[in-house]
């Protein structure tokens, strides 16, 4: 990937990091010990590949519009 393939997502004042890669993947990590990280997703449907509980290579979890990441955890999504 090239540097311009990455686009950082605004997480406000939270202790967190979120970015999209080539407009196909979203990676979000929440470093806050108490608050969920809430992110508005780009349009379309997003499949959950990895979250704080499991790896789901069959892509059963589908999200759209909003993403919520639990405290001290992360998530990886792929565009459907």
Protein backbone atom coordinates (compact mmCIF):
# COMPACT_ATOMS: atom_id res chain seq x y z
CA UNK A 1 0.00 0.00 0.00
CA UNK A 2 0.97 3.57 -0.59
CA UNK A 3 0.61 6.36 2.02
CA UNK A 4 -2.34 7.85 0.11
CA UNK A 5 -4.20 4.50 0.39
CA UNK A 6 -4.83 5.29 4.09
CA UNK A 7 -7.49 7.72 5.28
CA UNK A 8 -7.77 8.48 9.00
CA UNK A 9 -11.27 8.62 10.49
CA UNK A 10 -12.08 11.37 13.00
CA UNK A 11 -12.42 9.92 16.50
CA UNK A 12 -12.77 13.26 18.26
CA UNK A 13 -11.14 13.54 21.67
CA UNK A 14 -11.16 9.81 22.43
CA UNK A 15 -8.07 7.70 23.01
CA UNK A 16 -8.53 5.79 19.78
CA UNK A 17 -7.34 5.29 16.22
CA UNK A 18 -9.40 4.48 13.16
CA UNK A 19 -8.56 4.43 9.47
CA UNK A 20 -9.72 3.07 6.14
CA UNK A 21 -7.39 1.31 3.73
CA UNK A 22 -8.07 1.71 0.00
CA UNK A 23 -11.71 2.40 0.86
CA UNK A 24 -12.10 -1.37 1.29
CA UNK A 25 -11.05 -2.05 4.89
CA UNK A 26 -11.70 -0.19 8.15
CA UNK A 27 -9.52 -0.73 11.21
CA UNK A 28 -10.54 0.81 14.54
CA UNK A 29 -8.85 0.53 17.94
CA UNK A 30 -10.31 1.94 21.14
CA UNK A 31 -7.81 2.66 23.90
CA UNK A 32 -10.37 4.12 26.32
CA UNK A 33 -10.95 2.05 29.46
CA UNK A 34 -14.59 3.13 29.94
CA UNK A 35 -16.27 4.52 26.82
CA UNK A 36 -17.25 2.83 23.57
CA UNK A 37 -15.85 4.36 20.38
CA UNK A 38 -18.66 5.42 18.05
CA UNK A 39 -17.84 5.97 14.35
CA UNK A 40 -20.02 6.89 11.39
CA UNK A 41 -19.27 4.40 8.64
CA UNK A 42 -18.94 5.31 4.97
CA UNK A 43 -21.96 4.34 2.89
CA UNK A 44 -22.55 0.69 2.11
CA UNK A 45 -22.47 -2.54 4.06
CA UNK A 46 -19.41 -3.63 6.02
CA UNK A 47 -18.60 -7.18 7.12
CA UNK A 48 -16.91 -7.82 10.47
CA UNK A 49 -13.71 -9.83 9.98
CA UNK A 50 -12.28 -9.53 13.51
CA UNK A 51 -13.61 -8.04 16.73
CA UNK A 52 -12.84 -8.38 20.44
CA UNK A 53 -14.60 -11.73 20.63
CA UNK A 54 -13.80 -13.66 17.45
CA UNK A 55 -12.35 -13.96 13.98
CA UNK A 56 -15.20 -14.34 11.48
CA UNK A 57 -13.80 -15.22 8.07
CA UNK A 58 -17.27 -16.29 6.90
CA UNK A 59 -18.35 -12.64 7.26
CA UNK A 60 -21.58 -13.25 9.14
CA UNK A 61 -21.73 -9.86 10.90
CA UNK A 62 -22.89 -6.97 8.70
CA UNK A 63 -22.79 -3.31 9.75
CA UNK A 64 -23.93 -0.10 8.09
CA UNK A 65 -24.06 3.54 9.14
CA UNK A 66 -22.58 3.19 12.68
CA UNK A 67 -19.73 1.28 14.29
CA UNK A 68 -19.34 0.80 18.04
CA UNK A 69 -16.02 -0.48 19.42
CA UNK A 70 -15.93 -1.66 23.04
CA UNK A 71 -13.37 -0.19 25.46
CA UNK A 72 -9.79 -1.49 25.07
CA UNK A 73 -10.60 -3.46 21.95
CA UNK A 74 -10.48 -3.27 18.19
CA UNK A 75 -12.30 -4.31 15.03
CA UNK A 76 -11.52 -4.90 11.35
CA UNK A 77 -14.21 -4.53 8.66
CA UNK A 78 -14.24 -5.24 4.93
CA UNK A 79 -16.62 -3.57 2.50
CA UNK A 80 -19.35 -5.93 1.31
